[in-house]
N, C-alpha and C. Protein backbone atom coordinates (compact mmCIF):
# COMPACT_ATOMS: atom_id res chain seq x y z
N MET A 1 0.84 -1.18 0.00
CA MET A 1 0.00 0.00 0.00
C MET A 1 0.88 1.23 0.00
N LYS A 2 0.58 2.16 -0.86
CA LYS A 2 1.37 3.38 -0.97
C LYS A 2 0.65 4.49 -0.21
N LEU A 3 1.41 5.15 0.67
CA LEU A 3 0.85 6.24 1.46
C LEU A 3 1.28 7.57 0.87
N GLY A 4 0.39 8.56 0.95
CA GLY A 4 0.77 9.90 0.56
C GLY A 4 1.79 10.45 1.55
N LYS A 5 2.48 11.52 1.17
CA LYS A 5 3.53 12.07 2.01
C LYS A 5 2.99 12.47 3.39
N GLY A 6 1.84 13.11 3.43
CA GLY A 6 1.25 13.54 4.71
C GLY A 6 0.90 12.37 5.60
N MET A 7 0.32 11.32 5.03
CA MET A 7 -0.05 10.14 5.80
C MET A 7 1.18 9.42 6.31
N ALA A 8 2.23 9.36 5.51
CA ALA A 8 3.47 8.70 5.93
C ALA A 8 4.08 9.44 7.11
N ILE A 9 4.03 10.75 7.10
CA ILE A 9 4.57 11.54 8.22
C ILE A 9 3.77 11.28 9.48
N ILE A 10 2.45 11.23 9.37
CA ILE A 10 1.59 10.97 10.53
C ILE A 10 1.88 9.58 11.10
N CYS A 11 1.97 8.58 10.25
CA CYS A 11 2.25 7.22 10.71
C CYS A 11 3.60 7.12 11.39
N CYS A 12 4.62 7.76 10.82
CA CYS A 12 5.95 7.74 11.43
C CYS A 12 5.93 8.45 12.77
N SER A 13 5.21 9.56 12.85
CA SER A 13 5.11 10.30 14.11
C SER A 13 4.45 9.46 15.19
N LEU A 14 3.39 8.76 14.82
CA LEU A 14 2.70 7.90 15.79
C LEU A 14 3.61 6.79 16.28
N LEU A 15 4.36 6.20 15.39
CA LEU A 15 5.28 5.13 15.77
C LEU A 15 6.38 5.65 16.67
N LEU A 16 6.89 6.83 16.37
CA LEU A 16 7.94 7.42 17.21
C LEU A 16 7.43 7.76 18.60
N LEU A 17 6.16 8.13 18.70
CA LEU A 17 5.56 8.46 19.99
C LEU A 17 5.09 7.23 20.75
N GLY A 18 5.18 6.08 20.14
CA GLY A 18 4.80 4.84 20.81
C GLY A 18 3.37 4.42 20.58
N ALA A 19 2.63 5.17 19.81
CA ALA A 19 1.25 4.80 19.53
C ALA A 19 1.22 3.80 18.40
N GLN A 20 0.33 2.85 18.51
CA GLN A 20 0.19 1.87 17.45
C GLN A 20 -1.25 1.90 16.96
N PRO A 21 -1.47 2.34 15.73
CA PRO A 21 -2.83 2.42 15.21
C PRO A 21 -3.55 1.08 15.34
N GLY A 22 -4.79 1.15 15.78
CA GLY A 22 -5.60 -0.06 15.88
C GLY A 22 -5.51 -0.74 17.24
N LEU A 23 -4.62 -0.30 18.11
CA LEU A 23 -4.50 -0.91 19.43
C LEU A 23 -5.00 0.07 20.48
N ALA A 24 -5.98 -0.35 21.25
CA ALA A 24 -6.51 0.49 22.31
C ALA A 24 -5.68 0.29 23.58
N GLN A 25 -5.62 1.33 24.40
CA GLN A 25 -4.92 1.21 25.68
C GLN A 25 -5.68 0.23 26.55
N ASN A 26 -4.96 -0.56 27.30
CA ASN A 26 -5.55 -1.54 28.20
C ASN A 26 -6.47 -0.83 29.19
N ASP A 27 -7.75 -1.25 29.27
CA ASP A 27 -8.71 -0.60 30.16
C ASP A 27 -8.28 -0.66 31.61
N ALA A 28 -7.70 -1.76 32.06
CA ALA A 28 -7.27 -1.89 33.45
C ALA A 28 -6.19 -0.85 33.76
N ASP A 29 -5.25 -0.63 32.83
CA ASP A 29 -4.22 0.38 33.05
C ASP A 29 -4.83 1.76 33.16
N SER A 30 -5.80 2.04 32.33
CA SER A 30 -6.46 3.33 32.35
C SER A 30 -7.21 3.55 33.66
N ILE A 31 -7.91 2.54 34.12
CA ILE A 31 -8.69 2.65 35.36
C ILE A 31 -7.79 2.81 36.56
N GLN A 32 -6.65 2.12 36.58
CA GLN A 32 -5.78 2.18 37.74
C GLN A 32 -5.18 3.55 37.96
N MET A 33 -5.20 4.42 36.99
CA MET A 33 -4.67 5.76 37.15
C MET A 33 -5.73 6.70 37.72
N GLN A 34 -6.94 6.24 37.86
CA GLN A 34 -8.04 7.06 38.33
C GLN A 34 -8.20 6.95 39.83
N ARG A 35 -9.11 7.74 40.35
CA ARG A 35 -9.50 7.65 41.76
C ARG A 35 -10.84 6.94 41.84
N VAL A 36 -11.10 6.35 43.00
CA VAL A 36 -12.36 5.67 43.21
C VAL A 36 -13.04 6.25 44.45
N ASP A 37 -14.32 6.54 44.31
CA ASP A 37 -15.12 7.00 45.45
C ASP A 37 -15.49 5.76 46.26
N ILE A 38 -14.79 5.56 47.34
CA ILE A 38 -14.92 4.35 48.15
C ILE A 38 -16.32 4.22 48.77
N ASN A 39 -17.05 5.33 48.85
CA ASN A 39 -18.38 5.32 49.45
C ASN A 39 -19.50 5.01 48.47
N HIS A 40 -19.21 5.02 47.18
CA HIS A 40 -20.28 4.80 46.21
C HIS A 40 -19.95 3.77 45.13
N ALA A 41 -18.69 3.41 45.00
CA ALA A 41 -18.28 2.47 43.95
C ALA A 41 -18.70 1.04 44.29
N ASP A 42 -18.94 0.24 43.26
CA ASP A 42 -19.22 -1.17 43.48
C ASP A 42 -17.90 -1.92 43.66
N ALA A 43 -18.00 -3.16 44.08
CA ALA A 43 -16.81 -3.97 44.38
C ALA A 43 -15.91 -4.15 43.17
N GLN A 44 -16.50 -4.34 42.01
CA GLN A 44 -15.70 -4.55 40.80
C GLN A 44 -14.85 -3.32 40.49
N THR A 45 -15.43 -2.14 40.62
CA THR A 45 -14.69 -0.91 40.35
C THR A 45 -13.58 -0.72 41.37
N ILE A 46 -13.87 -0.96 42.63
CA ILE A 46 -12.85 -0.84 43.67
C ILE A 46 -11.69 -1.77 43.38
N ALA A 47 -11.99 -3.00 43.01
CA ALA A 47 -10.95 -3.99 42.72
C ALA A 47 -10.10 -3.57 41.52
N LEU A 48 -10.70 -2.96 40.53
CA LEU A 48 -9.96 -2.53 39.34
C LEU A 48 -9.05 -1.34 39.61
N VAL A 49 -9.50 -0.43 40.46
CA VAL A 49 -8.76 0.82 40.67
C VAL A 49 -7.68 0.68 41.73
N LEU A 50 -7.98 -0.03 42.80
CA LEU A 50 -7.02 -0.10 43.90
C LEU A 50 -5.98 -1.19 43.69
N ASP A 51 -4.75 -0.84 43.92
CA ASP A 51 -3.62 -1.75 43.79
C ASP A 51 -3.61 -2.74 44.94
N GLY A 52 -3.54 -4.01 44.64
CA GLY A 52 -3.47 -5.04 45.67
C GLY A 52 -4.81 -5.41 46.28
N VAL A 53 -5.90 -4.93 45.69
CA VAL A 53 -7.24 -5.23 46.19
C VAL A 53 -7.98 -6.01 45.12
N GLY A 54 -8.23 -7.28 45.41
CA GLY A 54 -8.98 -8.11 44.49
C GLY A 54 -10.46 -8.03 44.80
N ILE A 55 -11.22 -8.83 44.12
CA ILE A 55 -12.68 -8.77 44.26
C ILE A 55 -13.14 -9.14 45.67
N ALA A 56 -12.50 -10.10 46.32
CA ALA A 56 -12.91 -10.50 47.68
C ALA A 56 -12.70 -9.36 48.67
N ARG A 57 -11.55 -8.71 48.59
CA ARG A 57 -11.28 -7.59 49.50
C ARG A 57 -12.20 -6.41 49.18
N ALA A 58 -12.46 -6.18 47.91
CA ALA A 58 -13.36 -5.10 47.52
C ALA A 58 -14.78 -5.37 48.03
N GLN A 59 -15.21 -6.62 47.95
CA GLN A 59 -16.55 -6.96 48.47
C GLN A 59 -16.61 -6.75 49.97
N ALA A 60 -15.52 -7.03 50.68
CA ALA A 60 -15.48 -6.79 52.12
C ALA A 60 -15.62 -5.30 52.43
N ILE A 61 -15.01 -4.45 51.61
CA ILE A 61 -15.14 -3.00 51.78
C ILE A 61 -16.59 -2.58 51.59
N VAL A 62 -17.22 -3.07 50.54
CA VAL A 62 -18.62 -2.72 50.26
C VAL A 62 -19.54 -3.23 51.36
N GLU A 63 -19.34 -4.45 51.81
CA GLU A 63 -20.17 -5.01 52.88
C GLU A 63 -20.01 -4.21 54.17
N TYR A 64 -18.80 -3.84 54.51
CA TYR A 64 -18.58 -3.04 55.71
C TYR A 64 -19.28 -1.69 55.58
N ARG A 65 -19.14 -1.07 54.42
CA ARG A 65 -19.77 0.23 54.16
C ARG A 65 -21.29 0.12 54.26
N ASP A 66 -21.86 -0.95 53.70
CA ASP A 66 -23.31 -1.13 53.75
C ASP A 66 -23.81 -1.34 55.17
N SER A 67 -23.01 -1.98 56.00
CA SER A 67 -23.41 -2.25 57.39
C SER A 67 -23.14 -1.09 58.33
N ASN A 68 -22.11 -0.29 58.06
CA ASN A 68 -21.66 0.71 59.02
C ASN A 68 -21.72 2.15 58.53
N GLY A 69 -22.14 2.35 57.32
CA GLY A 69 -22.21 3.71 56.77
C GLY A 69 -20.95 4.09 56.02
N GLU A 70 -20.98 5.28 55.46
CA GLU A 70 -19.88 5.75 54.62
C GLU A 70 -18.61 5.96 55.41
N PHE A 71 -17.49 5.77 54.72
CA PHE A 71 -16.18 6.03 55.31
C PHE A 71 -15.94 7.54 55.28
N LYS A 72 -15.29 8.05 56.31
CA LYS A 72 -14.98 9.47 56.38
C LYS A 72 -13.48 9.75 56.27
N SER A 73 -12.66 8.70 56.43
CA SER A 73 -11.22 8.89 56.37
C SER A 73 -10.54 7.58 55.96
N LEU A 74 -9.29 7.69 55.58
CA LEU A 74 -8.51 6.50 55.25
C LEU A 74 -8.39 5.59 56.46
N GLU A 75 -8.23 6.16 57.63
CA GLU A 75 -8.08 5.37 58.85
C GLU A 75 -9.28 4.47 59.11
N GLU A 76 -10.47 4.94 58.74
CA GLU A 76 -11.67 4.12 58.94
C GLU A 76 -11.64 2.85 58.11
N LEU A 77 -10.92 2.87 57.00
CA LEU A 77 -10.80 1.65 56.17
C LEU A 77 -10.10 0.53 56.92
N LEU A 78 -9.31 0.88 57.93
CA LEU A 78 -8.64 -0.14 58.74
C LEU A 78 -9.64 -1.00 59.52
N MET A 79 -10.85 -0.52 59.65
CA MET A 79 -11.89 -1.28 60.34
C MET A 79 -12.34 -2.49 59.52
N VAL A 80 -12.07 -2.47 58.23
CA VAL A 80 -12.37 -3.62 57.37
C VAL A 80 -11.25 -4.63 57.62
N SER A 81 -11.61 -5.81 58.09
CA SER A 81 -10.62 -6.77 58.57
C SER A 81 -9.56 -7.16 57.53
N VAL A 82 -9.88 -7.10 56.26
CA VAL A 82 -8.94 -7.54 55.22
C VAL A 82 -8.08 -6.40 54.67
N ILE A 83 -8.23 -5.20 55.23
CA ILE A 83 -7.49 -4.04 54.76
C ILE A 83 -6.47 -3.64 55.82
N GLY A 84 -5.22 -3.55 55.40
CA GLY A 84 -4.15 -3.17 56.31
C GLY A 84 -3.56 -1.83 55.95
N GLU A 85 -2.62 -1.41 56.78
CA GLU A 85 -1.99 -0.11 56.58
C GLU A 85 -1.25 -0.02 55.24
N ALA A 86 -0.61 -1.10 54.83
CA ALA A 86 0.14 -1.08 53.56
C ALA A 86 -0.81 -0.86 52.38
N THR A 87 -1.97 -1.48 52.41
CA THR A 87 -2.95 -1.30 51.33
C THR A 87 -3.40 0.15 51.27
N ILE A 88 -3.66 0.74 52.41
CA ILE A 88 -4.09 2.14 52.44
C ILE A 88 -2.96 3.05 51.97
N ARG A 89 -1.76 2.82 52.47
CA ARG A 89 -0.61 3.64 52.08
C ARG A 89 -0.38 3.58 50.57
N ASN A 90 -0.49 2.38 49.99
CA ASN A 90 -0.24 2.20 48.56
C ASN A 90 -1.34 2.79 47.67
N ASN A 91 -2.50 3.06 48.26
CA ASN A 91 -3.64 3.52 47.46
C ASN A 91 -4.19 4.87 47.90
N GLN A 92 -3.54 5.55 48.80
CA GLN A 92 -4.11 6.78 49.35
C GLN A 92 -4.42 7.83 48.28
N ASP A 93 -3.66 7.86 47.21
CA ASP A 93 -3.93 8.84 46.15
C ASP A 93 -5.05 8.39 45.20
N ARG A 94 -5.50 7.17 45.34
CA ARG A 94 -6.54 6.63 44.46
C ARG A 94 -7.92 6.60 45.13
N ILE A 95 -7.97 6.91 46.41
CA ILE A 95 -9.23 6.81 47.18
C ILE A 95 -9.80 8.19 47.43
N SER A 96 -11.09 8.34 47.15
CA SER A 96 -11.80 9.59 47.48
C SER A 96 -13.03 9.23 48.30
N PHE A 97 -13.59 10.23 48.96
CA PHE A 97 -14.75 10.05 49.83
C PHE A 97 -15.88 10.98 49.42
N GLU A 98 -16.13 11.12 48.15
CA GLU A 98 -17.14 12.07 47.66
C GLU A 98 -18.54 11.56 47.84
């Protein structure tokens, strides 16, 4: 296939920048850079956004929240038996309480 000069420049630029036409960015990578509202998100979203939190731990967060009300601080997350200080420290920039 022969490309026009303008198209060839665009393709080369994309390759130099690391973009590959036709390939979408991994959704999990995109989600992990976001923040999660710990008081309103479902377990699946919490598990996707928080580092080191799988679906079982995320469900424990949701169950605790449903039984005890919304979280007001990071420290309150320690009340969830499966959440430790390291998990909170590693995710503090990803957690919001909106």
